[in-house]
């Protein structure tokens, strides 16, 4: 009976190896950054600006209709919406810039010494421990 048990264990190991190999072939590939990322960022900023303008225009028009005034609220809130849209765009741009700088700093960091990519002082090697 021991020989049969060993044969079954070997068969099970072979089957498990085949299953693992098949799973590796059918596993979804990790999502890589697309080459359209800059266009996506640009569209995000455009949408933020247009959304600010649209919301400001809508609020201003609604107030003008409600109060029966000239389009003073519409102009005022459209300008406020433009300012809010620009502010949101700048916040997004700063977020993107901070992300890129963090990635750049990570690439500069040297893993073998643990030091960053800063300039070395030539006298470092001569200093005592």
N, C-alpha and C. Protein backbone atom coordinates (compact mmCIF):
# COMPACT_ATOMS: atom_id res chain seq x y z
N UNK A 1 0.81 -1.20 0.00
CA UNK A 1 0.00 0.00 0.00
C UNK A 1 0.86 1.27 0.00
N UNK A 2 2.02 1.19 0.54
CA UNK A 2 2.86 2.38 0.59
C UNK A 2 3.28 2.81 -0.80
N UNK A 3 3.50 1.89 -1.68
CA UNK A 3 3.91 2.23 -3.04
C UNK A 3 2.78 2.96 -3.76
N UNK A 4 1.55 2.52 -3.53
CA UNK A 4 0.40 3.17 -4.16
C UNK A 4 0.22 4.58 -3.62
N UNK A 5 0.43 4.75 -2.31
CA UNK A 5 0.30 6.08 -1.72
C UNK A 5 1.35 7.04 -2.29
N UNK A 6 2.55 6.54 -2.47
CA UNK A 6 3.61 7.38 -3.04
C UNK A 6 3.30 7.73 -4.49
N UNK A 7 2.75 6.76 -5.24
CA UNK A 7 2.37 7.03 -6.62
C UNK A 7 1.27 8.09 -6.68
N UNK A 8 0.30 7.97 -5.78
CA UNK A 8 -0.79 8.95 -5.76
C UNK A 8 -0.27 10.35 -5.38
N UNK A 9 0.65 10.40 -4.43
CA UNK A 9 1.22 11.69 -4.05
C UNK A 9 1.97 12.32 -5.22
N UNK A 10 2.70 11.51 -5.95
CA UNK A 10 3.42 12.03 -7.11
C UNK A 10 2.46 12.50 -8.18
N UNK A 11 1.38 11.72 -8.38
CA UNK A 11 0.36 12.12 -9.36
C UNK A 11 -0.30 13.44 -8.94
N UNK A 12 -0.60 13.57 -7.63
CA UNK A 12 -1.22 14.80 -7.14
C UNK A 12 -0.28 16.00 -7.32
N UNK A 13 1.01 15.80 -7.05
CA UNK A 13 1.97 16.88 -7.25
C UNK A 13 2.05 17.28 -8.72
N UNK A 14 2.01 16.29 -9.61
CA UNK A 14 2.06 16.58 -11.04
C UNK A 14 0.81 17.35 -11.48
N UNK A 15 -0.34 16.93 -10.95
CA UNK A 15 -1.60 17.61 -11.30
C UNK A 15 -1.59 19.04 -10.76
N UNK A 16 -1.12 19.22 -9.51
CA UNK A 16 -1.06 20.56 -8.93
C UNK A 16 -0.11 21.46 -9.72
N UNK A 17 0.99 20.89 -10.20
CA UNK A 17 1.93 21.68 -11.00
C UNK A 17 1.29 22.10 -12.32
N UNK A 18 0.53 21.19 -12.93
CA UNK A 18 -0.15 21.54 -14.19
C UNK A 18 -1.21 22.61 -13.95
N UNK A 19 -1.92 22.49 -12.84
CA UNK A 19 -2.95 23.49 -12.52
C UNK A 19 -2.31 24.86 -12.29
N UNK A 20 -1.20 24.87 -11.54
CA UNK A 20 -0.51 26.13 -11.28
C UNK A 20 0.00 26.75 -12.58
N UNK A 21 0.50 25.91 -13.47
CA UNK A 21 0.98 26.41 -14.76
C UNK A 21 -0.17 26.98 -15.58
N UNK A 22 -1.31 26.29 -15.58
CA UNK A 22 -2.48 26.76 -16.32
C UNK A 22 -3.00 28.07 -15.73
N UNK A 23 -2.99 28.18 -14.43
CA UNK A 23 -3.45 29.43 -13.79
C UNK A 23 -2.52 30.58 -14.16
N UNK A 24 -1.24 30.29 -14.24
CA UNK A 24 -0.28 31.34 -14.62
C UNK A 24 -0.51 31.83 -16.03
N UNK A 25 -0.93 30.95 -16.91
CA UNK A 25 -1.18 31.34 -18.30
C UNK A 25 -2.46 32.14 -18.44
N UNK A 26 -3.48 31.80 -17.64
CA UNK A 26 -4.77 32.46 -17.77
C UNK A 26 -4.95 33.62 -16.80
N UNK A 27 -4.00 33.82 -15.91
CA UNK A 27 -4.13 34.92 -14.95
C UNK A 27 -4.09 36.25 -15.68
N UNK A 28 -4.92 37.19 -15.25
CA UNK A 28 -4.89 38.50 -15.90
C UNK A 28 -3.57 39.20 -15.63
N UNK A 29 -3.10 39.87 -16.64
CA UNK A 29 -1.85 40.60 -16.50
C UNK A 29 -2.09 41.85 -15.65
N UNK A 30 -1.11 42.24 -14.84
CA UNK A 30 -1.30 43.45 -14.05
C UNK A 30 -1.44 44.66 -14.96
N UNK A 31 -2.30 45.56 -14.54
CA UNK A 31 -2.58 46.74 -15.36
C UNK A 31 -1.38 47.67 -15.37
N UNK A 32 -0.92 47.97 -16.54
CA UNK A 32 0.22 48.87 -16.69
C UNK A 32 -0.29 50.28 -17.00
N UNK A 33 0.54 51.25 -16.75
CA UNK A 33 0.17 52.62 -17.09
C UNK A 33 0.00 52.71 -18.60
N UNK A 34 -1.06 53.37 -18.99
CA UNK A 34 -1.33 53.51 -20.41
C UNK A 34 -0.56 54.71 -20.95
N UNK A 35 -0.30 54.67 -22.25
CA UNK A 35 0.44 55.77 -22.84
C UNK A 35 -0.45 56.98 -23.08
N UNK A 36 -1.74 56.88 -22.78
CA UNK A 36 -2.65 58.01 -22.92
C UNK A 36 -2.81 58.78 -21.61
N UNK A 37 -1.96 58.54 -20.65
CA UNK A 37 -2.16 59.13 -19.33
C UNK A 37 -2.11 60.66 -19.37
N UNK A 38 -1.27 61.24 -20.21
CA UNK A 38 -1.22 62.70 -20.28
C UNK A 38 -2.51 63.26 -20.85
N UNK A 39 -3.07 62.60 -21.84
CA UNK A 39 -4.35 63.05 -22.39
C UNK A 39 -5.47 62.91 -21.36
N UNK A 40 -5.42 61.85 -20.57
CA UNK A 40 -6.44 61.67 -19.53
C UNK A 40 -6.34 62.78 -18.49
N UNK A 41 -5.12 63.14 -18.14
CA UNK A 41 -4.95 64.23 -17.17
C UNK A 41 -5.45 65.55 -17.74
N UNK A 42 -5.20 65.78 -19.02
CA UNK A 42 -5.67 67.02 -19.65
C UNK A 42 -7.20 67.07 -19.67
N UNK A 43 -7.83 65.94 -20.01
CA UNK A 43 -9.29 65.90 -20.02
C UNK A 43 -9.86 66.11 -18.62
N UNK A 44 -9.18 65.56 -17.63
CA UNK A 44 -9.63 65.75 -16.25
C UNK A 44 -9.63 67.23 -15.90
N UNK A 45 -8.60 67.94 -16.28
CA UNK A 45 -8.52 69.37 -15.98
C UNK A 45 -9.57 70.17 -16.74
N UNK A 46 -9.79 69.82 -17.99
CA UNK A 46 -10.81 70.51 -18.78
C UNK A 46 -12.19 70.29 -18.17
N UNK A 47 -12.46 69.06 -17.76
CA UNK A 47 -13.77 68.76 -17.16
C UNK A 47 -13.95 69.52 -15.86
N UNK A 48 -12.89 69.64 -15.06
CA UNK A 48 -13.00 70.39 -13.81
C UNK A 48 -13.31 71.86 -14.08
N UNK A 49 -12.67 72.43 -15.09
CA UNK A 49 -12.92 73.83 -15.42
C UNK A 49 -14.34 74.03 -15.93
N UNK A 50 -14.76 73.18 -16.84
CA UNK A 50 -16.11 73.31 -17.41
C UNK A 50 -17.17 73.06 -16.34
N UNK A 51 -16.92 72.12 -15.43
CA UNK A 51 -17.89 71.85 -14.36
C UNK A 51 -18.03 73.07 -13.46
N UNK A 52 -16.92 73.72 -13.13
CA UNK A 52 -17.00 74.93 -12.32
C UNK A 52 -17.79 76.03 -13.00
N UNK A 53 -17.54 76.20 -14.29
CA UNK A 53 -18.29 77.21 -15.06
C UNK A 53 -19.78 76.86 -15.11
N UNK A 54 -20.08 75.61 -15.38
CA UNK A 54 -21.48 75.18 -15.50
C UNK A 54 -22.24 75.33 -14.19
N UNK A 55 -21.62 74.93 -13.11
CA UNK A 55 -22.29 75.04 -11.81
C UNK A 55 -22.50 76.51 -11.45
N UNK A 56 -21.49 77.34 -11.67
CA UNK A 56 -21.64 78.77 -11.39
C UNK A 56 -22.72 79.40 -12.24
N UNK A 57 -22.74 79.05 -13.52
CA UNK A 57 -23.77 79.58 -14.42
C UNK A 57 -25.16 79.13 -13.96
N UNK A 58 -25.28 77.87 -13.60
CA UNK A 58 -26.59 77.35 -13.17
C UNK A 58 -27.10 78.02 -11.91
N UNK A 59 -26.22 78.20 -10.94
CA UNK A 59 -26.63 78.86 -9.70
C UNK A 59 -27.03 80.32 -9.98
N UNK A 60 -26.21 81.01 -10.77
CA UNK A 60 -26.51 82.41 -11.08
C UNK A 60 -27.81 82.56 -11.85
N UNK A 61 -28.04 81.72 -12.84
CA UNK A 61 -29.27 81.78 -13.63
C UNK A 61 -30.48 81.47 -12.75
N UNK A 62 -30.32 80.49 -11.88
CA UNK A 62 -31.43 80.15 -10.98
C UNK A 62 -31.79 81.30 -10.05
N UNK A 63 -30.78 81.97 -9.53
CA UNK A 63 -31.05 83.11 -8.65
C UNK A 63 -31.67 84.26 -9.42
N UNK A 64 -31.22 84.48 -10.65
CA UNK A 64 -31.82 85.54 -11.47
C UNK A 64 -33.29 85.25 -11.76
N UNK A 65 -33.61 84.02 -12.06
CA UNK A 65 -35.01 83.66 -12.32
C UNK A 65 -35.83 83.81 -11.04
N UNK A 66 -35.23 83.38 -9.92
CA UNK A 66 -35.93 83.44 -8.64
C UNK A 66 -36.23 84.88 -8.22
N UNK A 67 -35.26 85.75 -8.35
CA UNK A 67 -35.44 87.14 -7.91
C UNK A 67 -35.93 88.06 -9.02
N UNK A 68 -35.92 87.60 -10.28
CA UNK A 68 -36.39 88.43 -11.39
C UNK A 68 -35.44 89.60 -11.68
N UNK A 69 -34.17 89.40 -11.46
CA UNK A 69 -33.19 90.47 -11.68
C UNK A 69 -32.59 90.35 -13.07
N UNK A 70 -31.80 91.37 -13.39
CA UNK A 70 -31.02 91.30 -14.61
C UNK A 70 -30.02 90.16 -14.45
N UNK A 71 -29.31 89.83 -15.48
CA UNK A 71 -28.39 88.68 -15.35
C UNK A 71 -27.16 88.97 -14.50
N UNK A 72 -27.35 89.75 -13.43
CA UNK A 72 -26.20 90.10 -12.58
C UNK A 72 -25.70 88.89 -11.80
N UNK A 73 -26.61 88.08 -11.25
CA UNK A 73 -26.18 86.89 -10.51
C UNK A 73 -25.55 85.86 -11.44
N UNK A 74 -26.08 85.78 -12.65
CA UNK A 74 -25.53 84.83 -13.61
C UNK A 74 -24.07 85.19 -13.94
N UNK A 75 -23.80 86.45 -14.17
CA UNK A 75 -22.43 86.88 -14.46
C UNK A 75 -21.54 86.69 -13.24
N UNK A 76 -22.04 87.07 -12.09
CA UNK A 76 -21.27 86.97 -10.86
C UNK A 76 -20.90 85.51 -10.54
N UNK A 77 -21.90 84.65 -10.58
CA UNK A 77 -21.62 83.25 -10.24
C UNK A 77 -20.87 82.51 -11.34
N UNK A 78 -20.99 82.97 -12.58
CA UNK A 78 -20.16 82.38 -13.64
C UNK A 78 -18.70 82.70 -13.38
N UNK A 79 -18.41 83.93 -12.97
CA UNK A 79 -17.03 84.30 -12.64
C UNK A 79 -16.53 83.51 -11.42
N UNK A 80 -17.39 83.34 -10.41
CA UNK A 80 -17.00 82.55 -9.25
C UNK A 80 -16.77 81.09 -9.64
N UNK A 81 -17.60 80.59 -10.53
CA UNK A 81 -17.42 79.21 -11.01
C UNK A 81 -16.12 79.06 -11.79
N UNK A 82 -15.77 80.06 -12.57
CA UNK A 82 -14.49 80.03 -13.29
C UNK A 82 -13.33 80.01 -12.30
N UNK A 83 -13.41 80.85 -11.27
CA UNK A 83 -12.34 80.87 -10.26
C UNK A 83 -12.25 79.53 -9.54
N UNK A 84 -13.39 78.94 -9.21
CA UNK A 84 -13.38 77.64 -8.53
C UNK A 84 -12.82 76.56 -9.45
N UNK A 85 -13.16 76.61 -10.73
CA UNK A 85 -12.64 75.63 -11.69
C UNK A 85 -11.14 75.74 -11.85
N UNK A 86 -10.64 76.96 -11.93
CA UNK A 86 -9.19 77.17 -12.06
C UNK A 86 -8.48 76.69 -10.80
N UNK A 87 -9.07 76.99 -9.64
CA UNK A 87 -8.47 76.54 -8.37
C UNK A 87 -8.41 75.02 -8.31
N UNK A 88 -9.46 74.35 -8.74
CA UNK A 88 -9.48 72.89 -8.75
C UNK A 88 -8.47 72.34 -9.75
N UNK A 89 -8.36 72.99 -10.90
CA UNK A 89 -7.35 72.57 -11.89
C UNK A 89 -5.95 72.69 -11.33
N UNK A 90 -5.66 73.79 -10.66
CA UNK A 90 -4.33 73.98 -10.08
C UNK A 90 -4.05 72.97 -8.98
N UNK A 91 -5.07 72.62 -8.20
CA UNK A 91 -4.90 71.60 -7.17
C UNK A 91 -4.58 70.25 -7.81
N UNK A 92 -5.26 69.93 -8.90
CA UNK A 92 -4.98 68.68 -9.60
C UNK A 92 -3.57 68.68 -10.19
N UNK A 93 -3.17 69.82 -10.75
CA UNK A 93 -1.82 69.90 -11.32
C UNK A 93 -0.76 69.74 -10.24
N UNK A 94 -0.98 70.33 -9.06
CA UNK A 94 -0.03 70.16 -7.96
C UNK A 94 0.01 68.72 -7.47
N UNK A 95 -1.13 68.07 -7.46
CA UNK A 95 -1.20 66.66 -7.05
C UNK A 95 -0.41 65.79 -8.03
N UNK A 96 -0.57 66.05 -9.31
CA UNK A 96 0.14 65.28 -10.33
C UNK A 96 1.63 65.55 -10.24
N UNK A 97 2.00 66.81 -10.03
CA UNK A 97 3.41 67.16 -9.92
C UNK A 97 4.04 66.50 -8.70
N UNK A 98 3.33 66.48 -7.58
CA UNK A 98 3.86 65.84 -6.37
C UNK A 98 4.05 64.35 -6.59
N UNK A 99 3.11 63.73 -7.30
CA UNK A 99 3.22 62.29 -7.60
C UNK A 99 4.43 62.02 -8.48
N UNK A 100 4.63 62.84 -9.51
CA UNK A 100 5.78 62.65 -10.39
C UNK A 100 7.10 62.88 -9.66
N UNK A 101 7.14 63.88 -8.78
CA UNK A 101 8.36 64.14 -8.02
C UNK A 101 8.66 62.99 -7.06
N UNK A 102 7.62 62.41 -6.46
CA UNK A 102 7.82 61.27 -5.57
C UNK A 102 8.37 60.07 -6.35
N UNK A 103 7.83 59.84 -7.55
CA UNK A 103 8.34 58.74 -8.38
C UNK A 103 9.78 58.99 -8.79
N UNK A 104 10.11 60.23 -9.13
CA UNK A 104 11.47 60.57 -9.51
C UNK A 104 12.43 60.39 -8.34
N UNK A 105 12.02 60.82 -7.16
CA UNK A 105 12.86 60.66 -5.97
C UNK A 105 13.07 59.19 -5.65
N UNK A 106 12.06 58.38 -5.89
CA UNK A 106 12.17 56.93 -5.65
C UNK A 106 13.15 56.30 -6.63
N UNK A 107 13.17 56.79 -7.87
CA UNK A 107 14.11 56.27 -8.86
C UNK A 107 15.53 56.68 -8.54
N UNK A 108 15.72 57.89 -8.01
CA UNK A 108 17.05 58.39 -7.69
C UNK A 108 17.63 57.66 -6.49
N UNK A 109 16.77 57.27 -5.57
CA UNK A 109 17.22 56.61 -4.35
C UNK A 109 17.98 55.34 -4.70
N UNK A 110 19.20 55.21 -4.19
CA UNK A 110 20.01 54.04 -4.49
C UNK A 110 19.77 52.97 -3.45
N UNK A 111 19.31 51.78 -3.84
CA UNK A 111 18.95 50.76 -2.86
C UNK A 111 20.15 50.10 -2.19
N UNK A 112 21.34 50.06 -2.82
CA UNK A 112 22.47 49.33 -2.24
C UNK A 112 23.09 50.07 -1.05
N UNK A 113 23.09 51.39 -1.05
CA UNK A 113 23.70 52.14 0.05
C UNK A 113 22.67 52.81 0.93
N UNK A 114 21.44 52.92 0.45
CA UNK A 114 20.41 53.58 1.22
C UNK A 114 20.50 55.09 1.17
N UNK A 115 21.44 55.61 0.40
CA UNK A 115 21.60 57.06 0.29
C UNK A 115 20.78 57.57 -0.87
N UNK A 116 20.39 58.80 -0.78
CA UNK A 116 19.69 59.42 -1.90
C UNK A 116 20.70 59.89 -2.92
N UNK A 117 20.22 60.37 -4.03
CA UNK A 117 21.10 60.77 -5.12
C UNK A 117 21.70 62.15 -4.92
N UNK A 118 22.00 62.53 -3.70
CA UNK A 118 22.59 63.83 -3.45
C UNK A 118 24.09 63.79 -3.67
N UNK A 119 24.68 64.95 -3.78
CA UNK A 119 26.13 65.02 -4.00
C UNK A 119 26.85 64.56 -2.75
N UNK A 120 27.92 63.82 -2.93
CA UNK A 120 28.71 63.32 -1.81
C UNK A 120 29.81 64.30 -1.48
N UNK A 121 30.10 64.37 -0.20
CA UNK A 121 31.22 65.19 0.26
C UNK A 121 32.49 64.36 0.11
N UNK A 122 33.49 64.86 -0.59
CA UNK A 122 34.70 64.07 -0.79
C UNK A 122 35.37 63.70 0.52
N UNK A 123 35.16 64.44 1.57
CA UNK A 123 35.80 64.15 2.84
C UNK A 123 35.08 63.09 3.66
N UNK A 124 33.92 62.54 3.17
CA UNK A 124 33.18 61.54 3.91
C UNK A 124 34.01 60.29 4.18
N UNK A 125 34.81 59.88 3.23
CA UNK A 125 35.57 58.65 3.37
C UNK A 125 36.70 58.81 4.37
N UNK A 126 37.18 60.03 4.60
CA UNK A 126 38.30 60.26 5.49
C UNK A 126 37.87 60.44 6.93
N UNK A 127 36.56 60.61 7.18
CA UNK A 127 36.08 60.83 8.53
C UNK A 127 36.10 59.52 9.30
N UNK A 128 36.41 59.60 10.56
CA UNK A 128 36.45 58.41 11.41
C UNK A 128 35.05 57.96 11.77
N UNK A 129 34.93 56.69 12.18
CA UNK A 129 33.63 56.12 12.51
C UNK A 129 33.21 56.44 13.90
